[in-house]
Amino acid sequence: MKQVLSFDQMKHLQELGLYHTYTLQDILDKLPCFIGNEVLTIQKLADRYTCLYMEFYTRSIIKITESKELIDAAYEMLCWCVENGYVKVGMNVLSIVAK
């Protein structure tokens, strides 16, 4: 199981304003637990991992990422959260925005 992001992935996070060598735990710690009523959910289905934000009762999903490696699915979700304003970055500080 892959534990650290590739060089290109780390470079992309730096371009988004995040500075660090990211492990799976680092990425999971930076993902918001909730976006509105949707909860962060991680699943393993067959040989794939998914990260998604899903409303518990209605099962509506606002975003889903999928990969053979959990760290890659989590990385894609973190990028999406930053790009869509759910995680704010600046001055080497990361903050989670509740929307």
N, C-alpha and C. Protein backbone atom coordinates (compact mmCIF):
# COMPACT_ATOMS: atom_id res chain seq x y z
N MET A 1 0.85 -1.19 0.00
CA MET A 1 0.00 0.00 0.00
C MET A 1 0.89 1.24 0.00
N LYS A 2 0.60 2.14 -0.90
CA LYS A 2 1.33 3.40 -1.03
C LYS A 2 1.06 4.27 0.20
N GLN A 3 2.12 4.80 0.81
CA GLN A 3 1.98 5.59 2.04
C GLN A 3 2.30 7.06 1.88
N VAL A 4 3.00 7.43 0.80
CA VAL A 4 3.43 8.81 0.59
C VAL A 4 3.06 9.23 -0.83
N LEU A 5 2.71 10.50 -0.99
CA LEU A 5 2.37 11.03 -2.30
C LEU A 5 3.58 11.05 -3.23
N SER A 6 3.30 11.04 -4.52
CA SER A 6 4.37 11.16 -5.52
C SER A 6 4.88 12.60 -5.52
N PHE A 7 6.01 12.81 -6.18
CA PHE A 7 6.58 14.15 -6.30
C PHE A 7 5.60 15.10 -6.97
N ASP A 8 4.98 14.64 -8.06
CA ASP A 8 4.02 15.50 -8.78
C ASP A 8 2.81 15.85 -7.91
N GLN A 9 2.34 14.92 -7.13
CA GLN A 9 1.21 15.20 -6.23
C GLN A 9 1.60 16.22 -5.17
N MET A 10 2.80 16.05 -4.59
CA MET A 10 3.26 17.02 -3.58
C MET A 10 3.44 18.40 -4.20
N LYS A 11 3.96 18.44 -5.42
CA LYS A 11 4.13 19.72 -6.12
C LYS A 11 2.78 20.40 -6.35
N HIS A 12 1.77 19.62 -6.73
CA HIS A 12 0.44 20.19 -6.95
C HIS A 12 -0.13 20.75 -5.65
N LEU A 13 0.05 20.06 -4.53
CA LEU A 13 -0.43 20.58 -3.25
C LEU A 13 0.30 21.87 -2.89
N GLN A 14 1.59 21.95 -3.20
CA GLN A 14 2.31 23.20 -2.94
C GLN A 14 1.75 24.33 -3.79
N GLU A 15 1.38 24.03 -5.02
CA GLU A 15 0.77 25.04 -5.89
C GLU A 15 -0.57 25.51 -5.34
N LEU A 16 -1.27 24.62 -4.62
CA LEU A 16 -2.54 24.99 -3.98
C LEU A 16 -2.34 25.74 -2.67
N GLY A 17 -1.08 25.83 -2.21
CA GLY A 17 -0.79 26.57 -0.99
C GLY A 17 -0.53 25.71 0.22
N LEU A 18 -0.40 24.40 0.04
CA LEU A 18 -0.13 23.49 1.16
C LEU A 18 1.34 23.09 1.11
N TYR A 19 2.05 23.14 2.26
CA TYR A 19 3.48 22.84 2.31
C TYR A 19 3.73 21.73 3.33
N HIS A 20 4.20 20.60 2.83
CA HIS A 20 4.52 19.48 3.70
C HIS A 20 4.75 18.26 2.83
N THR A 21 5.46 17.27 3.30
CA THR A 21 5.52 15.98 2.63
C THR A 21 4.38 15.16 3.20
N TYR A 22 3.42 14.83 2.37
CA TYR A 22 2.18 14.28 2.87
C TYR A 22 2.13 12.77 2.88
N THR A 23 1.80 12.24 4.05
CA THR A 23 1.48 10.83 4.21
C THR A 23 -0.04 10.71 4.19
N LEU A 24 -0.52 9.50 4.18
CA LEU A 24 -1.96 9.27 4.23
C LEU A 24 -2.58 9.93 5.45
N GLN A 25 -1.95 9.77 6.61
CA GLN A 25 -2.48 10.36 7.84
C GLN A 25 -2.54 11.88 7.76
N ASP A 26 -1.52 12.52 7.17
CA ASP A 26 -1.52 13.97 7.01
C ASP A 26 -2.72 14.43 6.20
N ILE A 27 -2.99 13.72 5.12
CA ILE A 27 -4.09 14.10 4.24
C ILE A 27 -5.43 13.91 4.94
N LEU A 28 -5.61 12.77 5.58
CA LEU A 28 -6.88 12.51 6.29
C LEU A 28 -7.13 13.55 7.37
N ASP A 29 -6.07 13.97 8.05
CA ASP A 29 -6.21 14.98 9.11
C ASP A 29 -6.64 16.34 8.56
N LYS A 30 -6.37 16.61 7.29
CA LYS A 30 -6.71 17.90 6.70
C LYS A 30 -8.08 17.92 6.02
N LEU A 31 -8.66 16.76 5.81
CA LEU A 31 -9.99 16.71 5.20
C LEU A 31 -11.05 17.09 6.23
N PRO A 32 -12.02 17.91 5.85
CA PRO A 32 -13.13 18.22 6.77
C PRO A 32 -13.94 16.96 7.07
N CYS A 33 -14.36 16.81 8.30
CA CYS A 33 -15.22 15.68 8.66
C CYS A 33 -16.60 15.82 8.01
N PHE A 34 -17.05 17.06 7.90
CA PHE A 34 -18.37 17.36 7.32
C PHE A 34 -18.25 18.50 6.34
N ILE A 35 -19.06 18.47 5.31
CA ILE A 35 -19.31 19.62 4.45
C ILE A 35 -20.82 19.77 4.45
N GLY A 36 -21.30 20.80 5.15
CA GLY A 36 -22.74 20.93 5.35
C GLY A 36 -23.24 19.71 6.13
N ASN A 37 -24.23 19.01 5.58
CA ASN A 37 -24.75 17.80 6.22
C ASN A 37 -24.08 16.53 5.73
N GLU A 38 -23.16 16.67 4.77
CA GLU A 38 -22.49 15.50 4.21
C GLU A 38 -21.28 15.13 5.05
N VAL A 39 -21.12 13.85 5.31
CA VAL A 39 -20.03 13.35 6.14
C VAL A 39 -18.98 12.68 5.26
N LEU A 40 -17.72 12.86 5.63
CA LEU A 40 -16.63 12.19 4.93
C LEU A 40 -16.75 10.69 5.18
N THR A 41 -16.77 9.93 4.11
CA THR A 41 -16.91 8.48 4.18
C THR A 41 -15.82 7.85 3.32
N ILE A 42 -15.15 6.85 3.87
CA ILE A 42 -14.11 6.13 3.13
C ILE A 42 -14.55 4.67 3.06
N GLN A 43 -14.49 4.12 1.85
CA GLN A 43 -14.93 2.74 1.64
C GLN A 43 -13.91 1.99 0.80
N LYS A 44 -13.83 0.69 1.03
CA LYS A 44 -13.06 -0.17 0.14
C LYS A 44 -14.05 -1.09 -0.55
N LEU A 45 -14.07 -1.00 -1.86
CA LEU A 45 -14.98 -1.81 -2.67
C LEU A 45 -14.14 -2.63 -3.63
N ALA A 46 -14.11 -3.93 -3.45
CA ALA A 46 -13.29 -4.84 -4.26
C ALA A 46 -11.83 -4.38 -4.17
N ASP A 47 -11.25 -3.98 -5.30
CA ASP A 47 -9.85 -3.56 -5.30
C ASP A 47 -9.69 -2.05 -5.40
N ARG A 48 -10.72 -1.28 -5.07
CA ARG A 48 -10.71 0.18 -5.18
C ARG A 48 -11.10 0.80 -3.83
N TYR A 49 -10.57 2.00 -3.61
CA TYR A 49 -10.95 2.80 -2.44
C TYR A 49 -11.74 4.01 -2.94
N THR A 50 -12.72 4.42 -2.17
CA THR A 50 -13.47 5.63 -2.47
C THR A 50 -13.47 6.55 -1.26
N CYS A 51 -13.38 7.84 -1.53
CA CYS A 51 -13.59 8.88 -0.53
C CYS A 51 -14.78 9.67 -1.05
N LEU A 52 -15.75 9.91 -0.19
CA LEU A 52 -16.91 10.66 -0.63
C LEU A 52 -17.50 11.45 0.52
N TYR A 53 -18.22 12.49 0.17
CA TYR A 53 -19.02 13.25 1.13
C TYR A 53 -20.46 12.91 0.83
N MET A 54 -21.11 12.27 1.81
CA MET A 54 -22.46 11.75 1.60
C MET A 54 -23.36 12.16 2.76
N GLU A 55 -24.56 12.57 2.42
CA GLU A 55 -25.58 12.86 3.44
C GLU A 55 -26.08 11.52 3.96
N PHE A 56 -26.07 11.37 5.27
CA PHE A 56 -26.32 10.08 5.91
C PHE A 56 -27.70 9.50 5.60
N TYR A 57 -28.73 10.30 5.69
CA TYR A 57 -30.09 9.76 5.55
C TYR A 57 -30.53 9.61 4.10
N THR A 58 -30.25 10.62 3.28
CA THR A 58 -30.71 10.57 1.89
C THR A 58 -29.71 9.86 0.97
N ARG A 59 -28.50 9.69 1.45
CA ARG A 59 -27.42 9.07 0.67
C ARG A 59 -27.00 9.92 -0.54
N SER A 60 -27.37 11.21 -0.54
CA SER A 60 -26.94 12.08 -1.63
C SER A 60 -25.44 12.35 -1.47
N ILE A 61 -24.75 12.42 -2.59
CA ILE A 61 -23.29 12.57 -2.60
C ILE A 61 -22.94 13.87 -3.31
N ILE A 62 -22.05 14.67 -2.70
CA ILE A 62 -21.63 15.90 -3.37
C ILE A 62 -20.31 15.71 -4.10
N LYS A 63 -19.51 14.74 -3.69
CA LYS A 63 -18.23 14.47 -4.36
C LYS A 63 -17.77 13.06 -4.01
N ILE A 64 -17.21 12.38 -5.01
CA ILE A 64 -16.63 11.06 -4.80
C ILE A 64 -15.33 10.97 -5.58
N THR A 65 -14.31 10.41 -4.95
CA THR A 65 -13.05 10.12 -5.63
C THR A 65 -12.76 8.64 -5.46
N GLU A 66 -12.02 8.08 -6.39
CA GLU A 66 -11.80 6.64 -6.39
C GLU A 66 -10.41 6.33 -6.93
N SER A 67 -9.75 5.34 -6.32
CA SER A 67 -8.43 4.92 -6.79
C SER A 67 -8.09 3.55 -6.22
N LYS A 68 -7.10 2.92 -6.82
CA LYS A 68 -6.60 1.65 -6.28
C LYS A 68 -5.84 1.87 -4.99
N GLU A 69 -5.32 3.08 -4.79
CA GLU A 69 -4.59 3.43 -3.57
C GLU A 69 -5.41 4.42 -2.75
N LEU A 70 -5.57 4.15 -1.48
CA LEU A 70 -6.35 5.03 -0.60
C LEU A 70 -5.74 6.43 -0.57
N ILE A 71 -4.44 6.54 -0.51
CA ILE A 71 -3.80 7.85 -0.45
C ILE A 71 -4.12 8.68 -1.69
N ASP A 72 -4.24 8.05 -2.85
CA ASP A 72 -4.56 8.79 -4.06
C ASP A 72 -6.00 9.29 -4.07
N ALA A 73 -6.93 8.47 -3.58
CA ALA A 73 -8.33 8.90 -3.48
C ALA A 73 -8.45 10.05 -2.48
N ALA A 74 -7.74 9.95 -1.35
CA ALA A 74 -7.76 11.01 -0.34
C ALA A 74 -7.12 12.29 -0.87
N TYR A 75 -6.03 12.15 -1.61
CA TYR A 75 -5.35 13.30 -2.23
C TYR A 75 -6.30 14.04 -3.18
N GLU A 76 -6.98 13.30 -4.03
CA GLU A 76 -7.92 13.91 -4.97
C GLU A 76 -9.03 14.66 -4.23
N MET A 77 -9.50 14.07 -3.13
CA MET A 77 -10.54 14.72 -2.34
C MET A 77 -10.00 16.00 -1.68
N LEU A 78 -8.79 15.96 -1.16
CA LEU A 78 -8.21 17.16 -0.55
C LEU A 78 -8.05 18.26 -1.59
N CYS A 79 -7.57 17.92 -2.78
CA CYS A 79 -7.45 18.92 -3.85
C CYS A 79 -8.81 19.53 -4.16
N TRP A 80 -9.84 18.71 -4.28
CA TRP A 80 -11.19 19.20 -4.56
C TRP A 80 -11.66 20.13 -3.45
N CYS A 81 -11.42 19.75 -2.19
CA CYS A 81 -11.86 20.58 -1.06
C CYS A 81 -11.18 21.94 -1.09
N VAL A 82 -9.88 21.98 -1.39
CA VAL A 82 -9.16 23.25 -1.46
C VAL A 82 -9.67 24.07 -2.63
N GLU A 83 -9.78 23.45 -3.80
CA GLU A 83 -10.20 24.16 -5.01
C GLU A 83 -11.63 24.70 -4.91
N ASN A 84 -12.46 24.10 -4.07
CA ASN A 84 -13.85 24.54 -3.94
C ASN A 84 -14.12 25.31 -2.66
N GLY A 85 -13.06 25.70 -1.95
CA GLY A 85 -13.21 26.58 -0.80
C GLY A 85 -13.63 25.91 0.49
N TYR A 86 -13.62 24.58 0.55
CA TYR A 86 -13.97 23.89 1.79
C TYR A 86 -12.80 23.78 2.74
N VAL A 87 -11.59 23.94 2.22
CA VAL A 87 -10.37 24.02 3.02
C VAL A 87 -9.64 25.26 2.54
N LYS A 88 -9.38 26.17 3.45
CA LYS A 88 -8.69 27.42 3.11
C LYS A 88 -7.21 27.28 3.44
N VAL A 89 -6.38 27.80 2.57
CA VAL A 89 -4.94 27.79 2.80
C VAL A 89 -4.42 29.21 2.68
N GLY A 90 -3.32 29.46 3.35
CA GLY A 90 -2.69 30.78 3.27
C GLY A 90 -1.73 30.95 4.41
N MET A 91 -0.60 31.59 4.13
CA MET A 91 0.42 31.85 5.14
C MET A 91 0.81 30.55 5.85
N ASN A 92 0.89 29.46 5.09
CA ASN A 92 1.26 28.15 5.61
C ASN A 92 0.31 27.65 6.69
N VAL A 93 -0.90 28.18 6.70
CA VAL A 93 -1.92 27.76 7.67
C VAL A 93 -3.08 27.16 6.91
N LEU A 94 -3.60 26.08 7.42
CA LEU A 94 -4.72 25.40 6.79
C LEU A 94 -5.89 25.49 7.75
N SER A 95 -7.07 25.86 7.22
CA SER A 95 -8.25 25.88 8.08
C SER A 95 -9.41 25.24 7.33
N ILE A 96 -10.23 24.57 8.06
CA ILE A 96 -11.41 23.91 7.49
C ILE A 96 -12.58 24.86 7.59
N VAL A 97 -13.30 25.00 6.49
CA VAL A 97 -14.42 25.92 6.42
C VAL A 97 -15.71 25.11 6.51
N ALA A 98 -16.54 25.44 7.45
CA ALA A 98 -17.85 24.78 7.57
C ALA A 98 -18.83 25.53 6.69
N LYS A 99 -19.41 24.84 5.72
CA LYS A 99 -20.38 25.49 4.83
C LYS A 99 -21.72 24.84 4.99
